Amino acid sequence: MKVIVAEQIGFCFGVKRAINLAKKVLSERGEVCILGDLVHNRRVSRELEQMGLRKVSNLSECSSGIMLVRAHGLPAAEIERARAAGLEVIDATCPTVRQAQRAARRLEERGCQVVIAGDADHPEVRGILGSLRDPSAHLVLDSVEEVRQAHAERRFRRPVGVVFQTTHSFERCHALVGELMLVIPELQIINTLCRPVRNRQLDAIRLATEVEVMLVVGSFKSANSIELTHLLRAHNPNTIQVENADQLELARFAGVKSVGIASGLSTPEDVVDAVRARLEAAFPEPDSSPAL
């Protein structure tokens, strides 16, 4: 078996920044609380918890007096409540996510009804929506069908402004905007898609078309890992997602000549290396040196 790893794997810039900031604060201040996960990777979360990061579901549980904002960001109201409660807030929001929040506010200030193209349950999208002055006046849509339904229910106002969940696939956003153009006469768009994420997707797509089986190494809680898996399946139906090497079902690779490996944005590089190493140990390439 030939195992090929995509050129762009491991942590993205925003994840690296958030983890490094968390480690710095924890080493200097000890216990720090956080609402939700800093990033969507269980191993990273465990390591940070061992250093003193304490995940809480309510600000009243934050006894350390310090709250770290996760990489996906938080609604502005939650940050304001934390500060009003006397907590010191340290913001690890990804700069690209913060730009998306600012873009949404600009559209709102222009008088637009903001449409966020993304998963309504994703913390990043909740943070973008929560950064707006009147969140209830705006919409989160994630498919062509949802656009059609919103139009049928007369939920759109004029003008409409669009921003994107930063890690969404270009293909899904392109389809959604195309449908909006059919039903919205006055449409403004600010492209908030993360360019490094798109480059990683394109790199993985290229690899997926060249191998028999494609692997995505990433948490099943990670929206960008799940999105990448769905995207690659459109180009290679034999695409499988695993969180780590232990989840590899080696029997599924019997007789396979080539495997490609890509990763989610919050997957440590050594986890990808371990997946590759397990495959290479189980299915070594034959010795191609000439016989003596």
Protein backbone atom coordinates (compact mmCIF):
# COMPACT_ATOMS: atom_id res chain seq x y z
CA MET A 1 0.00 0.00 0.00
CA LYS A 2 1.14 3.51 -0.80
CA VAL A 3 0.15 6.03 1.89
CA ILE A 4 0.16 9.70 0.86
CA VAL A 5 -0.37 12.52 3.36
CA ALA A 6 -1.84 15.83 2.17
CA GLU A 7 0.55 18.78 2.11
CA GLN A 8 -1.54 20.77 4.60
CA ILE A 9 -2.31 18.92 7.83
CA GLY A 10 -2.35 19.64 11.57
CA PHE A 11 -3.48 22.76 13.37
CA CYS A 12 -4.56 25.83 11.45
CA PHE A 13 -3.32 29.28 12.53
CA GLY A 14 -6.40 30.07 14.64
CA VAL A 15 -6.22 26.77 16.53
CA LYS A 16 -2.47 27.13 17.14
CA ARG A 17 -3.00 30.65 18.42
CA ALA A 18 -5.80 29.60 20.78
CA ILE A 19 -3.85 26.64 22.20
CA ASN A 20 -0.67 28.67 22.68
CA LEU A 21 -2.62 31.46 24.40
CA ALA A 22 -4.38 28.94 26.66
CA LYS A 23 -1.09 27.29 27.65
CA LYS A 24 0.51 30.67 28.37
CA VAL A 25 -2.38 31.81 30.58
CA LEU A 26 -2.55 28.46 32.40
CA SER A 27 1.19 28.41 33.10
CA GLU A 28 1.04 31.96 34.48
CA ARG A 29 -2.33 31.97 36.26
CA GLY A 30 -3.22 28.37 37.14
CA GLU A 31 -6.89 27.47 36.90
CA VAL A 32 -8.88 29.15 34.11
CA CYS A 33 -12.51 28.47 33.15
CA ILE A 34 -14.01 28.19 29.68
CA LEU A 35 -17.54 27.89 28.29
CA GLY A 36 -17.40 24.90 25.94
CA ASP A 37 -14.29 23.44 24.30
CA LEU A 38 -11.37 25.65 23.31
CA VAL A 39 -11.10 23.60 20.08
CA HIS A 40 -12.88 20.46 18.95
CA ASN A 41 -10.28 17.81 19.75
CA ARG A 42 -10.58 15.55 22.78
CA ARG A 43 -6.87 14.96 23.21
CA VAL A 44 -6.09 18.68 23.16
CA SER A 45 -8.93 19.31 25.62
CA ARG A 46 -7.59 16.63 28.01
CA GLU A 47 -4.08 18.08 27.91
CA LEU A 48 -5.34 21.58 28.68
CA GLU A 49 -7.60 20.28 31.46
CA GLN A 50 -4.56 18.64 33.05
CA MET A 51 -2.90 22.08 33.05
CA GLY A 52 -5.91 23.61 34.83
CA LEU A 53 -8.43 24.55 32.14
CA ARG A 54 -11.88 23.95 33.63
CA LYS A 55 -14.89 23.64 31.33
CA VAL A 56 -18.03 25.13 32.85
CA SER A 57 -21.62 25.42 31.68
CA ASN A 58 -22.43 28.51 33.74
CA LEU A 59 -20.43 31.61 34.66
CA SER A 60 -21.31 31.09 38.33
CA GLU A 61 -19.10 27.97 38.26
CA CYS A 62 -16.02 30.03 37.37
CA SER A 63 -14.26 30.26 40.73
CA SER A 64 -10.86 31.21 39.27
CA GLY A 65 -12.04 34.67 38.22
CA ILE A 66 -10.60 34.19 34.71
CA MET A 67 -12.58 33.17 31.65
CA LEU A 68 -10.99 32.13 28.36
CA VAL A 69 -13.06 32.66 25.20
CA ARG A 70 -12.87 29.63 22.90
CA ALA A 71 -11.43 29.77 19.38
CA HIS A 72 -14.95 29.73 17.87
CA GLY A 73 -15.87 32.88 19.79
CA LEU A 74 -18.85 33.66 22.02
CA PRO A 75 -21.94 35.84 21.66
CA ALA A 76 -21.23 39.40 22.80
CA ALA A 77 -23.90 39.14 25.52
CA GLU A 78 -22.07 36.23 27.19
CA ILE A 79 -18.79 38.14 27.22
CA GLU A 80 -20.56 41.18 28.67
CA ARG A 81 -22.16 39.01 31.37
CA ALA A 82 -18.74 37.58 32.25
CA ARG A 83 -17.24 41.04 32.65
CA ALA A 84 -20.27 42.24 34.62
CA ALA A 85 -19.73 39.28 36.96
CA GLY A 86 -16.21 40.55 37.62
CA LEU A 87 -14.41 37.92 35.53
CA GLU A 88 -11.23 38.72 33.65
CA VAL A 89 -11.89 37.78 30.02
CA ILE A 90 -9.05 36.52 27.83
CA ASP A 91 -10.12 36.26 24.20
CA ALA A 92 -8.78 33.30 22.17
CA THR A 93 -11.28 33.85 19.33
CA CYS A 94 -9.73 33.03 15.95
CA PRO A 95 -8.91 36.34 14.17
CA THR A 96 -10.73 35.10 11.06
CA VAL A 97 -13.85 34.40 13.12
CA ARG A 98 -13.58 37.84 14.68
CA GLN A 99 -13.46 39.34 11.17
CA ALA A 100 -16.67 37.47 10.34
CA GLN A 101 -18.32 38.95 13.43
CA ARG A 102 -17.25 42.45 12.39
CA ALA A 103 -18.46 41.86 8.83
CA ALA A 104 -21.90 40.83 10.08
CA ARG A 105 -22.10 43.97 12.22
CA ARG A 106 -21.15 46.16 9.24
CA LEU A 107 -23.97 44.66 7.21
CA GLU A 108 -26.41 45.22 10.07
CA GLU A 109 -25.26 48.85 10.38
CA ARG A 110 -25.96 49.30 6.64
CA GLY A 111 -29.55 48.28 7.28
CA CYS A 112 -29.23 44.74 5.96
CA GLN A 113 -30.96 41.68 7.26
CA VAL A 114 -27.96 39.44 7.85
CA VAL A 115 -27.99 35.88 6.53
CA ILE A 116 -25.27 33.69 8.01
CA ALA A 117 -24.54 30.73 5.75
CA GLY A 118 -23.68 28.00 8.22
CA ASP A 119 -24.76 25.50 10.83
CA ALA A 120 -27.09 27.19 13.33
CA ASP A 121 -25.90 24.87 16.12
CA HIS A 122 -22.20 25.56 15.60
CA PRO A 123 -20.59 27.76 18.30
CA GLU A 124 -18.93 29.99 15.70
CA VAL A 125 -22.27 30.75 14.07
CA ARG A 126 -23.90 31.39 17.45
CA GLY A 127 -21.06 33.80 18.18
CA ILE A 128 -21.52 35.66 14.88
CA LEU A 129 -25.28 35.89 15.40
CA GLY A 130 -24.73 36.96 18.99
CA SER A 131 -22.44 39.78 17.90
CA LEU A 132 -25.38 41.54 16.20
CA ARG A 133 -27.45 44.23 17.87
CA ASP A 134 -30.74 42.43 17.18
CA PRO A 135 -30.02 38.70 16.61
CA SER A 136 -33.71 37.82 16.26
CA ALA A 137 -34.00 39.97 13.11
CA HIS A 138 -31.45 37.89 11.19
CA LEU A 139 -31.27 34.38 9.72
CA VAL A 140 -28.97 31.35 9.71
CA LEU A 141 -29.39 29.18 6.61
CA ASP A 142 -27.41 26.12 5.59
CA SER A 143 -28.85 24.83 2.32
CA VAL A 144 -30.69 25.70 -0.86
CA GLU A 145 -33.80 24.07 0.62
CA GLU A 146 -33.65 26.34 3.68
CA VAL A 147 -33.39 29.41 1.44
CA ARG A 148 -36.47 28.28 -0.49
CA GLN A 149 -38.38 27.65 2.73
CA ALA A 150 -37.45 31.07 4.16
CA HIS A 151 -38.59 32.70 0.91
CA ALA A 152 -41.90 30.79 0.94
CA GLU A 153 -42.47 31.90 4.54
CA ARG A 154 -41.68 35.54 3.61
CA ARG A 155 -38.90 35.74 6.18
CA PHE A 156 -36.58 37.86 4.02
CA ARG A 157 -36.44 41.64 4.27
CA ARG A 158 -34.58 44.10 2.03
CA PRO A 159 -31.67 44.50 1.64
CA VAL A 160 -30.04 41.19 2.60
CA GLY A 161 -26.37 40.85 3.53
CA VAL A 162 -24.53 37.51 3.61
CA VAL A 163 -21.56 36.26 5.62
CA PHE A 164 -20.26 32.72 5.88
CA GLN A 165 -19.26 30.33 8.62
CA THR A 166 -15.51 30.57 8.10
CA THR A 167 -14.85 26.83 7.70
CA HIS A 168 -17.79 26.01 5.42
CA SER A 169 -17.08 24.51 2.01
CA PHE A 170 -17.01 26.90 -0.93
CA GLU A 171 -19.32 24.57 -2.86
CA ARG A 172 -22.11 24.72 -0.27
CA CYS A 173 -21.84 28.50 0.12
CA HIS A 174 -21.78 28.99 -3.65
CA ALA A 175 -25.01 27.01 -4.05
CA LEU A 176 -26.72 28.92 -1.23
CA VAL A 177 -25.73 32.34 -2.63
CA GLY A 178 -26.90 31.27 -6.09
CA GLU A 179 -30.33 30.47 -4.68
CA LEU A 180 -30.46 33.77 -2.77
CA MET A 181 -29.74 35.64 -6.01
CA LEU A 182 -32.92 34.16 -7.48
CA VAL A 183 -35.18 35.48 -4.72
CA ILE A 184 -33.44 38.59 -3.29
CA PRO A 185 -33.35 41.71 -5.51
CA GLU A 186 -30.82 43.56 -3.31
CA LEU A 187 -28.00 41.37 -2.01
CA GLN A 188 -24.69 42.29 -0.38
CA ILE A 189 -21.99 39.69 0.29
CA ILE A 190 -18.87 39.82 2.46
CA ASN A 191 -16.72 36.76 1.87
CA THR A 192 -15.73 35.53 5.33
CA LEU A 193 -14.59 32.07 4.24
CA CYS A 194 -11.15 31.26 5.63
CA ARG A 195 -8.70 31.12 2.72
CA PRO A 196 -6.27 28.67 4.42
CA VAL A 197 -9.23 26.34 5.01
CA ARG A 198 -10.16 26.56 1.32
CA ASN A 199 -6.57 25.85 0.29
CA ARG A 200 -6.57 22.82 2.56
CA GLN A 201 -9.84 21.61 1.05
CA LEU A 202 -8.48 21.97 -2.50
CA ASP A 203 -5.28 20.14 -1.56
CA ALA A 204 -7.34 17.29 -0.06
CA ILE A 205 -9.67 17.15 -3.08
CA ARG A 206 -6.68 16.81 -5.42
CA LEU A 207 -5.30 13.94 -3.33
CA ALA A 208 -8.72 12.24 -3.03
CA THR A 209 -8.94 11.97 -6.83
CA GLU A 210 -5.56 10.20 -6.98
CA VAL A 211 -6.05 7.42 -4.40
CA GLU A 212 -8.36 4.45 -3.88
CA VAL A 213 -9.30 5.33 -0.30
CA MET A 214 -9.24 8.75 1.40
CA LEU A 215 -8.96 9.22 5.16
CA VAL A 216 -9.93 12.32 7.12
CA VAL A 217 -8.37 12.40 10.58
CA GLY A 218 -10.49 14.59 12.82
CA SER A 219 -12.91 14.70 15.73
CA PHE A 220 -16.54 13.79 15.13
CA LYS A 221 -17.34 16.98 17.10
CA SER A 222 -15.33 19.05 14.63
CA ALA A 223 -17.58 20.72 12.05
CA ASN A 224 -14.70 21.35 9.65
CA SER A 225 -13.59 17.68 9.80
CA ILE A 226 -17.14 16.49 9.09
CA GLU A 227 -17.47 19.10 6.32
CA LEU A 228 -14.18 17.95 4.77
CA THR A 229 -15.33 14.31 4.88
CA HIS A 230 -18.59 15.15 3.07
CA LEU A 231 -16.74 17.28 0.54
CA LEU A 232 -14.21 14.56 -0.27
CA ARG A 233 -16.90 11.88 -0.62
CA ALA A 234 -18.22 13.83 -3.60
CA HIS A 235 -14.83 13.26 -5.26
CA ASN A 236 -14.01 9.85 -3.78
CA PRO A 237 -16.88 7.76 -2.36
CA ASN A 238 -14.33 5.67 -0.45
CA THR A 239 -13.71 8.44 2.09
CA ILE A 240 -13.54 7.49 5.76
CA GLN A 241 -13.28 9.67 8.86
CA VAL A 242 -11.41 8.53 12.00
CA GLU A 243 -10.33 10.37 15.11
CA ASN A 244 -7.08 8.47 15.60
CA ALA A 245 -5.09 5.38 14.62
CA ASP A 246 -6.99 3.16 17.07
CA GLN A 247 -10.18 3.66 15.04
CA LEU A 248 -8.69 2.23 11.86
CA GLU A 249 -10.48 -0.95 10.80
CA LEU A 250 -7.57 -2.53 9.00
CA ALA A 251 -9.72 -5.19 7.34
CA ARG A 252 -11.32 -2.43 5.26
CA PHE A 253 -7.94 -1.72 3.64
CA ALA A 254 -7.14 -5.25 2.50
CA GLY A 255 -6.15 -5.18 -1.16
CA VAL A 256 -6.09 -1.36 -1.31
CA LYS A 257 -3.10 -0.05 -3.26
CA SER A 258 -3.22 3.63 -2.29
CA VAL A 259 -4.58 5.68 0.64
CA GLY A 260 -4.60 9.45 1.07
CA ILE A 261 -4.74 11.20 4.45
CA ALA A 262 -6.05 14.69 5.21
CA SER A 263 -6.88 16.24 8.58
CA GLY A 264 -9.24 18.60 10.32
CA LEU A 265 -8.04 22.00 11.51
CA SER A 266 -7.81 20.98 15.18
CA THR A 267 -6.11 17.61 14.64
CA PRO A 268 -2.55 17.42 16.03
CA GLU A 269 0.02 16.51 13.38
CA ASP A 270 1.36 13.59 15.43
CA VAL A 271 -2.13 11.99 15.37
CA VAL A 272 -1.96 12.05 11.56
CA ASP A 273 1.55 10.58 11.73
CA ALA A 274 0.27 7.75 13.94
CA VAL A 275 -2.49 6.92 11.43
CA ARG A 276 0.03 6.79 8.61
CA ALA A 277 2.45 4.68 10.66
CA ARG A 278 -0.22 2.11 11.53
CA LEU A 279 -1.25 1.72 7.90
CA GLU A 280 2.34 1.45 6.71
CA ALA A 281 3.13 -1.17 9.38
CA ALA A 282 0.07 -3.24 8.49
CA PHE A 283 0.48 -2.94 4.70
CA PRO A 284 4.17 -2.30 3.91
CA GLU A 285 5.12 -1.46 0.37
CA PRO A 286 6.98 -4.36 -1.28
CA ASP A 287 10.74 -4.00 -1.58
CA SER A 288 11.28 -2.59 -5.04
CA SER A 289 15.06 -3.07 -5.06
CA PRO A 290 16.33 -5.47 -7.75
CA ALA A 291 17.14 -9.03 -6.70
CA LEU A 292 20.82 -9.92 -6.53
